[in-house]
């Protein structure tokens, strides 16, 4: 039987509680108010406490339930996803949403075993995803994100 803190349930519970604690910390300066007259911090604090409680329940369940060991993702799968996320953050303002989303899609595709840099399927998905991002964020939500390079 694996150690408690190497089980998927325990790590999941700890991460959920940690996220709740992090949001509670960030909402700390906001006025809470009451249930009748809610302040700007009321909902974030309530949801943070719910996350902390849920994480605690999952962690508690992991101490009595049959535990599955964690299967860590391979670096082959994680590295392209992290790289795509970083590329998106670094290039969005200068390269524009369309090119950045397409490039991030192509790089993220490498996380799938047996994939290549370029294929027709990847190209079509990258173009469709970029166009969808443009319609959603710029047209429908009115975000001030450049679509193409300046």
N, C-alpha and C. Protein backbone atom coordinates (compact mmCIF):
# COMPACT_ATOMS: atom_id res chain seq x y z
N UNK A 1 0.85 -1.18 0.00
CA UNK A 1 0.00 0.00 0.00
C UNK A 1 0.90 1.24 0.00
N UNK A 2 0.63 2.19 -0.91
CA UNK A 2 1.48 3.37 -0.98
C UNK A 2 1.29 4.28 0.23
N UNK A 3 2.29 5.09 0.48
CA UNK A 3 2.24 6.07 1.54
C UNK A 3 1.11 7.06 1.26
N UNK A 4 0.49 7.63 2.30
CA UNK A 4 -0.67 8.50 2.13
C UNK A 4 -0.38 9.69 1.21
N UNK A 5 0.77 10.32 1.34
CA UNK A 5 1.04 11.52 0.58
C UNK A 5 1.60 11.24 -0.82
N UNK A 6 1.57 9.99 -1.23
CA UNK A 6 1.91 9.67 -2.61
C UNK A 6 0.68 9.16 -3.36
N UNK A 7 -0.50 9.28 -2.74
CA UNK A 7 -1.71 8.84 -3.42
C UNK A 7 -2.32 10.01 -4.19
N UNK A 8 -3.02 9.70 -5.24
CA UNK A 8 -3.66 10.72 -6.06
C UNK A 8 -4.67 11.53 -5.26
N UNK A 9 -5.44 10.84 -4.43
CA UNK A 9 -6.46 11.52 -3.65
C UNK A 9 -5.86 12.51 -2.67
N UNK A 10 -4.80 12.10 -1.98
CA UNK A 10 -4.18 12.98 -0.99
C UNK A 10 -3.58 14.21 -1.66
N UNK A 11 -2.88 14.01 -2.75
CA UNK A 11 -2.27 15.15 -3.44
C UNK A 11 -3.36 16.06 -4.00
N UNK A 12 -4.43 15.48 -4.54
CA UNK A 12 -5.53 16.30 -5.06
C UNK A 12 -6.16 17.12 -3.94
N UNK A 13 -6.41 16.50 -2.80
CA UNK A 13 -7.00 17.21 -1.67
C UNK A 13 -6.10 18.34 -1.18
N UNK A 14 -4.81 18.06 -1.10
CA UNK A 14 -3.87 19.10 -0.68
C UNK A 14 -3.84 20.26 -1.67
N UNK A 15 -3.83 19.96 -2.97
CA UNK A 15 -3.80 21.02 -3.99
C UNK A 15 -5.07 21.86 -3.96
N UNK A 16 -6.22 21.22 -3.81
CA UNK A 16 -7.48 21.96 -3.76
C UNK A 16 -7.51 22.86 -2.54
N UNK A 17 -7.09 22.34 -1.37
CA UNK A 17 -7.05 23.16 -0.16
C UNK A 17 -6.04 24.30 -0.30
N UNK A 18 -4.91 24.03 -0.93
CA UNK A 18 -3.90 25.06 -1.13
C UNK A 18 -4.40 26.16 -2.04
N UNK A 19 -5.11 25.81 -3.10
CA UNK A 19 -5.69 26.82 -3.99
C UNK A 19 -6.71 27.66 -3.23
N UNK A 20 -7.55 27.01 -2.41
CA UNK A 20 -8.50 27.75 -1.60
C UNK A 20 -7.82 28.70 -0.64
N UNK A 21 -6.74 28.25 0.01
CA UNK A 21 -6.00 29.10 0.93
C UNK A 21 -5.35 30.28 0.20
N UNK A 22 -4.85 30.03 -1.01
CA UNK A 22 -4.23 31.08 -1.79
C UNK A 22 -5.26 32.15 -2.15
N UNK A 23 -6.45 31.75 -2.60
CA UNK A 23 -7.48 32.72 -2.93
C UNK A 23 -7.98 33.44 -1.69
N UNK A 24 -8.05 32.75 -0.57
CA UNK A 24 -8.44 33.39 0.68
C UNK A 24 -7.43 34.47 1.06
N UNK A 25 -6.16 34.18 0.86
CA UNK A 25 -5.11 35.17 1.14
C UNK A 25 -5.27 36.39 0.24
N UNK A 26 -5.50 36.17 -1.06
CA UNK A 26 -5.62 37.28 -1.99
C UNK A 26 -6.89 38.11 -1.73
N UNK A 27 -7.92 37.49 -1.19
CA UNK A 27 -9.17 38.21 -0.90
C UNK A 27 -9.14 38.81 0.50
N UNK A 28 -8.04 38.67 1.21
CA UNK A 28 -7.96 39.11 2.60
C UNK A 28 -8.23 40.58 2.81
N UNK A 29 -7.85 41.45 1.89
CA UNK A 29 -8.03 42.88 2.06
C UNK A 29 -9.42 43.36 1.64
N UNK A 30 -10.20 42.49 1.02
CA UNK A 30 -11.53 42.90 0.56
C UNK A 30 -12.53 42.85 1.71
N UNK A 31 -13.44 43.84 1.72
CA UNK A 31 -14.47 43.89 2.76
C UNK A 31 -15.46 42.75 2.53
N UNK A 32 -15.74 42.00 3.60
CA UNK A 32 -16.62 40.84 3.49
C UNK A 32 -18.09 41.23 3.50
N UNK A 33 -18.49 42.04 4.46
CA UNK A 33 -19.90 42.39 4.59
C UNK A 33 -20.67 41.25 5.23
N UNK A 34 -21.97 41.21 4.98
CA UNK A 34 -22.82 40.15 5.53
C UNK A 34 -23.61 39.51 4.40
N UNK A 35 -24.38 38.50 4.74
CA UNK A 35 -25.15 37.83 3.70
C UNK A 35 -26.23 38.74 3.12
N UNK A 36 -26.70 39.70 3.93
CA UNK A 36 -27.71 40.64 3.47
C UNK A 36 -27.08 41.75 2.64
N UNK A 37 -25.91 42.24 3.08
CA UNK A 37 -25.22 43.31 2.38
C UNK A 37 -23.80 42.85 2.08
N UNK A 38 -23.66 42.10 1.00
CA UNK A 38 -22.38 41.49 0.66
C UNK A 38 -21.38 42.53 0.17
N UNK A 39 -20.15 42.39 0.67
CA UNK A 39 -19.07 43.23 0.19
C UNK A 39 -18.36 42.54 -0.96
N UNK A 40 -17.37 43.19 -1.54
CA UNK A 40 -16.66 42.61 -2.68
C UNK A 40 -15.87 41.35 -2.32
N UNK A 41 -15.60 41.12 -1.05
CA UNK A 41 -14.84 39.95 -0.64
C UNK A 41 -15.69 38.79 -0.18
N UNK A 42 -17.01 38.99 -0.12
CA UNK A 42 -17.88 37.94 0.42
C UNK A 42 -17.81 36.65 -0.38
N UNK A 43 -18.11 36.73 -1.66
CA UNK A 43 -18.12 35.52 -2.49
C UNK A 43 -16.75 34.88 -2.62
N UNK A 44 -15.67 35.65 -2.87
CA UNK A 44 -14.36 35.00 -2.95
C UNK A 44 -13.97 34.28 -1.65
N UNK A 45 -14.30 34.87 -0.51
CA UNK A 45 -13.95 34.23 0.77
C UNK A 45 -14.79 32.99 1.02
N UNK A 46 -16.09 33.06 0.72
CA UNK A 46 -16.95 31.88 0.91
C UNK A 46 -16.48 30.74 0.00
N UNK A 47 -16.21 31.05 -1.26
CA UNK A 47 -15.75 30.01 -2.18
C UNK A 47 -14.38 29.47 -1.78
N UNK A 48 -13.52 30.33 -1.26
CA UNK A 48 -12.22 29.87 -0.78
C UNK A 48 -12.37 28.88 0.36
N UNK A 49 -13.24 29.21 1.32
CA UNK A 49 -13.47 28.29 2.43
C UNK A 49 -14.09 26.98 1.95
N UNK A 50 -14.95 27.06 0.94
CA UNK A 50 -15.53 25.83 0.35
C UNK A 50 -14.43 24.97 -0.27
N UNK A 51 -13.49 25.59 -0.98
CA UNK A 51 -12.38 24.84 -1.56
C UNK A 51 -11.51 24.22 -0.47
N UNK A 52 -11.23 24.97 0.57
CA UNK A 52 -10.43 24.42 1.67
C UNK A 52 -11.14 23.23 2.31
N UNK A 53 -12.46 23.37 2.52
CA UNK A 53 -13.23 22.27 3.10
C UNK A 53 -13.28 21.05 2.19
N UNK A 54 -13.50 21.28 0.90
CA UNK A 54 -13.52 20.17 -0.06
C UNK A 54 -12.17 19.47 -0.11
N UNK A 55 -11.10 20.26 -0.13
CA UNK A 55 -9.76 19.66 -0.11
C UNK A 55 -9.53 18.84 1.15
N UNK A 56 -10.00 19.35 2.28
CA UNK A 56 -9.88 18.60 3.53
C UNK A 56 -10.67 17.30 3.50
N UNK A 57 -11.88 17.34 2.93
CA UNK A 57 -12.68 16.11 2.82
C UNK A 57 -11.99 15.07 1.93
N UNK A 58 -11.47 15.52 0.81
CA UNK A 58 -10.78 14.59 -0.10
C UNK A 58 -9.53 14.04 0.57
N UNK A 59 -8.79 14.89 1.27
CA UNK A 59 -7.61 14.44 1.98
C UNK A 59 -7.99 13.45 3.07
N UNK A 60 -9.06 13.73 3.82
CA UNK A 60 -9.53 12.80 4.85
C UNK A 60 -9.96 11.47 4.28
N UNK A 61 -10.66 11.52 3.14
CA UNK A 61 -11.09 10.28 2.47
C UNK A 61 -9.89 9.45 2.05
N UNK A 62 -8.81 10.13 1.67
CA UNK A 62 -7.63 9.39 1.20
C UNK A 62 -6.95 8.61 2.32
N UNK A 63 -7.24 8.95 3.56
CA UNK A 63 -6.61 8.22 4.67
C UNK A 63 -7.31 6.89 4.94
N UNK A 64 -8.57 6.75 4.52
CA UNK A 64 -9.31 5.52 4.79
C UNK A 64 -9.60 4.70 3.54
N UNK A 65 -9.52 5.33 2.38
CA UNK A 65 -9.86 4.64 1.13
C UNK A 65 -8.64 3.91 0.58
N UNK A 66 -8.92 3.03 -0.35
CA UNK A 66 -7.83 2.37 -1.07
C UNK A 66 -7.15 3.42 -1.92
N UNK A 67 -5.85 3.51 -1.81
CA UNK A 67 -5.12 4.58 -2.48
C UNK A 67 -4.46 4.07 -3.75
N UNK A 68 -4.62 4.87 -4.80
CA UNK A 68 -3.92 4.59 -6.05
C UNK A 68 -2.65 5.43 -6.07
N UNK A 69 -1.54 4.84 -6.44
CA UNK A 69 -0.32 5.63 -6.50
C UNK A 69 -0.39 6.66 -7.63
N UNK A 70 0.34 7.73 -7.46
CA UNK A 70 0.38 8.78 -8.46
C UNK A 70 1.17 8.30 -9.67
N UNK A 71 0.65 8.57 -10.82
CA UNK A 71 1.39 8.32 -12.05
C UNK A 71 1.75 9.67 -12.63
N UNK A 72 2.99 10.07 -12.41
CA UNK A 72 3.43 11.38 -12.86
C UNK A 72 3.51 11.40 -14.38
N UNK A 73 3.14 12.53 -14.98
CA UNK A 73 3.22 12.61 -16.44
C UNK A 73 4.66 12.60 -16.90
N UNK A 74 4.84 12.08 -18.07
CA UNK A 74 6.20 12.06 -18.62
C UNK A 74 6.60 13.47 -19.03
N UNK A 75 7.88 13.72 -19.02
CA UNK A 75 8.38 15.02 -19.44
C UNK A 75 8.06 15.26 -20.91
N UNK A 76 7.98 14.20 -21.67
CA UNK A 76 7.65 14.29 -23.11
C UNK A 76 6.29 14.92 -23.31
N UNK A 77 5.36 14.66 -22.39
CA UNK A 77 4.02 15.22 -22.52
C UNK A 77 3.92 16.60 -21.88
N UNK A 78 4.61 16.82 -20.78
CA UNK A 78 4.46 18.06 -20.04
C UNK A 78 5.24 19.23 -20.64
N UNK A 79 6.41 18.97 -21.16
CA UNK A 79 7.26 20.05 -21.66
C UNK A 79 6.64 20.84 -22.81
N UNK A 80 6.05 20.20 -23.83
CA UNK A 80 5.42 21.00 -24.89
C UNK A 80 4.24 21.83 -24.38
N UNK A 81 3.49 21.32 -23.41
CA UNK A 81 2.36 22.08 -22.88
C UNK A 81 2.84 23.31 -22.11
N UNK A 82 3.88 23.13 -21.31
CA UNK A 82 4.44 24.27 -20.59
C UNK A 82 5.04 25.29 -21.57
N UNK A 83 5.72 24.79 -22.58
CA UNK A 83 6.32 25.68 -23.59
C UNK A 83 5.23 26.45 -24.34
N UNK A 84 4.15 25.78 -24.70
CA UNK A 84 3.06 26.45 -25.42
C UNK A 84 2.44 27.54 -24.55
N UNK A 85 2.28 27.28 -23.27
CA UNK A 85 1.72 28.27 -22.36
C UNK A 85 2.63 29.49 -22.25
N UNK A 86 3.93 29.24 -22.10
CA UNK A 86 4.90 30.34 -22.02
C UNK A 86 4.94 31.14 -23.32
N UNK A 87 4.93 30.45 -24.45
CA UNK A 87 4.92 31.14 -25.74
C UNK A 87 3.70 32.05 -25.87
N UNK A 88 2.57 31.54 -25.45
CA UNK A 88 1.33 32.31 -25.53
C UNK A 88 1.45 33.58 -24.69
N UNK A 89 1.95 33.43 -23.47
CA UNK A 89 2.08 34.59 -22.58
C UNK A 89 3.09 35.60 -23.11
N UNK A 90 4.18 35.12 -23.68
CA UNK A 90 5.24 36.02 -24.13
C UNK A 90 4.95 36.69 -25.47
N UNK A 91 4.22 36.02 -26.35
CA UNK A 91 4.04 36.53 -27.71
C UNK A 91 2.71 37.23 -27.98
N UNK A 92 1.76 37.13 -27.09
CA UNK A 92 0.42 37.63 -27.37
C UNK A 92 0.40 39.10 -27.76
N UNK A 93 1.07 39.94 -27.02
CA UNK A 93 1.04 41.38 -27.31
C UNK A 93 1.75 41.75 -28.61
N UNK A 94 2.84 41.07 -28.92
CA UNK A 94 3.61 41.45 -30.11
C UNK A 94 3.18 40.72 -31.37
N UNK A 95 2.86 39.43 -31.27
CA UNK A 95 2.52 38.65 -32.46
C UNK A 95 1.02 38.64 -32.75
N UNK A 96 0.20 39.03 -31.79
CA UNK A 96 -1.24 39.01 -32.00
C UNK A 96 -1.85 37.67 -31.64
N UNK A 97 -3.14 37.70 -31.39
CA UNK A 97 -3.86 36.50 -30.94
C UNK A 97 -3.85 35.39 -31.97
N UNK A 98 -4.06 35.72 -33.24
CA UNK A 98 -4.19 34.69 -34.26
C UNK A 98 -2.91 33.87 -34.40
N UNK A 99 -1.77 34.54 -34.56
CA UNK A 99 -0.50 33.84 -34.74
C UNK A 99 -0.08 33.14 -33.45
N UNK A 100 -0.27 33.80 -32.31
CA UNK A 100 0.14 33.21 -31.03
C UNK A 100 -0.65 31.95 -30.72
N UNK A 101 -1.97 31.99 -30.90
CA UNK A 101 -2.80 30.82 -30.62
C UNK A 101 -2.44 29.68 -31.57
N UNK A 102 -2.18 29.99 -32.84
CA UNK A 102 -1.81 28.94 -33.80
C UNK A 102 -0.48 28.31 -33.43
N UNK A 103 0.50 29.14 -33.07
CA UNK A 103 1.82 28.62 -32.69
C UNK A 103 1.74 27.79 -31.41
N UNK A 104 0.99 28.26 -30.43
CA UNK A 104 0.84 27.51 -29.19
C UNK A 104 0.14 26.17 -29.44
N UNK A 105 -0.80 26.15 -30.37
CA UNK A 105 -1.49 24.91 -30.71
C UNK A 105 -0.53 23.90 -31.33
N UNK A 106 0.30 24.36 -32.24
CA UNK A 106 1.27 23.47 -32.90
C UNK A 106 2.26 22.92 -31.89
N UNK A 107 2.76 23.77 -31.00
CA UNK A 107 3.72 23.31 -29.98
C UNK A 107 3.05 22.34 -29.01
N UNK A 108 1.83 22.65 -28.58
CA UNK A 108 1.11 21.77 -27.64
C UNK A 108 0.81 20.42 -28.28
N UNK A 109 0.63 20.39 -29.56
CA UNK A 109 0.36 19.14 -30.28
C UNK A 109 1.50 18.13 -30.09
N UNK A 110 2.71 18.63 -29.86
CA UNK A 110 3.85 17.73 -29.68
C UNK A 110 3.77 16.91 -28.39
N UNK A 111 2.85 17.26 -27.50
CA UNK A 111 2.70 16.48 -26.27
C UNK A 111 2.02 15.14 -26.54
N UNK A 112 1.41 14.99 -27.70
CA UNK A 112 0.77 13.73 -28.07
C UNK A 112 1.83 12.84 -28.70
N UNK A 113 1.96 11.65 -28.17
CA UNK A 113 3.01 10.76 -28.68
C UNK A 113 2.77 10.44 -30.15
N UNK A 114 3.85 10.42 -30.90
CA UNK A 114 3.78 10.13 -32.32
C UNK A 114 3.40 11.31 -33.19
N UNK A 115 3.26 12.49 -32.58
CA UNK A 115 2.88 13.65 -33.38
C UNK A 115 4.10 14.29 -34.01
N UNK A 116 3.85 15.04 -35.06
CA UNK A 116 4.92 15.74 -35.76
C UNK A 116 4.67 17.23 -35.66
N UNK A 117 5.69 18.02 -36.04
CA UNK A 117 5.55 19.46 -36.02
C UNK A 117 4.40 19.91 -36.89
N UNK A 118 4.28 19.30 -38.06
CA UNK A 118 3.27 19.78 -38.98
C UNK A 118 2.51 18.62 -39.58
N UNK A 119 1.22 18.75 -39.63
CA UNK A 119 0.35 17.83 -40.35
C UNK A 119 -0.88 18.65 -40.77
N UNK A 120 -1.61 18.15 -41.69
CA UNK A 120 -2.80 18.86 -42.15
C UNK A 120 -3.80 19.02 -41.01
N UNK A 121 -3.94 17.97 -40.23
CA UNK A 121 -4.86 18.01 -39.08
C UNK A 121 -4.46 19.11 -38.08
N UNK A 122 -3.16 19.18 -37.78
CA UNK A 122 -2.68 20.20 -36.85
C UNK A 122 -2.88 21.59 -37.43
N UNK A 123 -2.59 21.77 -38.70
CA UNK A 123 -2.77 23.06 -39.35
C UNK A 123 -4.23 23.50 -39.30
N UNK A 124 -5.15 22.62 -39.65
CA UNK A 124 -6.57 22.97 -39.65
C UNK A 124 -7.06 23.28 -38.24
N UNK A 125 -6.61 22.50 -37.26
CA UNK A 125 -7.02 22.76 -35.89
C UNK A 125 -6.47 24.09 -35.40
N UNK A 126 -5.20 24.38 -35.73
CA UNK A 126 -4.58 25.64 -35.29
C UNK A 126 -5.31 26.83 -35.89
N UNK A 127 -5.66 26.77 -37.16
CA UNK A 127 -6.38 27.87 -37.82
C UNK A 127 -7.77 28.01 -37.21
N UNK A 128 -8.47 26.90 -37.03
CA UNK A 128 -9.81 26.95 -36.44
C UNK A 128 -9.80 27.45 -35.01
N UNK A 129 -8.83 26.98 -34.23
CA UNK A 129 -8.72 27.41 -32.84
C UNK A 129 -8.40 28.90 -32.76
N UNK A 130 -7.50 29.37 -33.60
CA UNK A 130 -7.14 30.79 -33.61
C UNK A 130 -8.33 31.66 -34.00
N UNK A 131 -9.04 31.24 -35.03
CA UNK A 131 -10.22 31.99 -35.45
C UNK A 131 -11.28 31.99 -34.35
N UNK A 132 -11.47 30.84 -33.70
CA UNK A 132 -12.43 30.77 -32.60
C UNK A 132 -12.05 31.67 -31.43
N UNK A 133 -10.76 31.72 -31.12
CA UNK A 133 -10.29 32.62 -30.05
C UNK A 133 -10.54 34.07 -30.42
N UNK A 134 -10.28 34.41 -31.69
CA UNK A 134 -10.52 35.78 -32.14
C UNK A 134 -11.98 36.17 -32.03
N UNK A 135 -12.85 35.29 -32.48
CA UNK A 135 -14.29 35.57 -32.41
C UNK A 135 -14.74 35.68 -30.95
N UNK A 136 -14.32 34.75 -30.13
CA UNK A 136 -14.76 34.74 -28.74
C UNK A 136 -14.24 35.95 -27.96
N UNK A 137 -12.94 36.15 -27.97
CA UNK A 137 -12.37 37.17 -27.10
C UNK A 137 -12.47 38.59 -27.67
N UNK A 138 -12.22 38.75 -28.95
CA UNK A 138 -12.22 40.11 -29.51
C UNK A 138 -13.61 40.54 -29.93
N UNK A 139 -14.34 39.69 -30.64
CA UNK A 139 -15.65 40.09 -31.16
C UNK A 139 -16.73 39.99 -30.08
N UNK A 140 -16.89 38.82 -29.48
CA UNK A 140 -17.99 38.62 -28.53
C UNK A 140 -17.74 39.25 -27.17
N UNK A 141 -16.53 39.12 -26.63
CA UNK A 141 -16.24 39.65 -25.30
C UNK A 141 -15.65 41.06 -25.33
N UNK A 142 -15.28 41.54 -26.51
CA UNK A 142 -14.78 42.89 -26.65
C UNK A 142 -13.44 43.15 -25.99
N UNK A 143 -12.60 42.14 -25.88
CA UNK A 143 -11.28 42.32 -25.28
C UNK A 143 -10.37 43.08 -26.23
N UNK A 144 -9.51 43.90 -25.66
CA UNK A 144 -8.59 44.71 -26.46
C UNK A 144 -7.30 43.92 -26.70
N UNK A 145 -7.40 42.85 -27.45
CA UNK A 145 -6.27 42.00 -27.79
C UNK A 145 -6.01 42.14 -29.28
N UNK A 146 -4.77 42.44 -29.67
CA UNK A 146 -4.50 42.55 -31.11
C UNK A 146 -4.63 41.19 -31.79
N UNK A 147 -5.29 41.17 -32.94
CA UNK A 147 -5.44 39.91 -33.67
C UNK A 147 -4.19 39.54 -34.45
N UNK A 148 -3.49 40.54 -34.95
CA UNK A 148 -2.31 40.30 -35.78
C UNK A 148 -1.15 41.15 -35.28
N UNK A 149 0.07 40.89 -35.73
CA UNK A 149 1.21 41.70 -35.28
C UNK A 149 1.01 43.18 -35.56
N UNK A 150 1.60 43.98 -34.70
CA UNK A 150 1.47 45.45 -34.84
C UNK A 150 2.34 45.96 -35.96
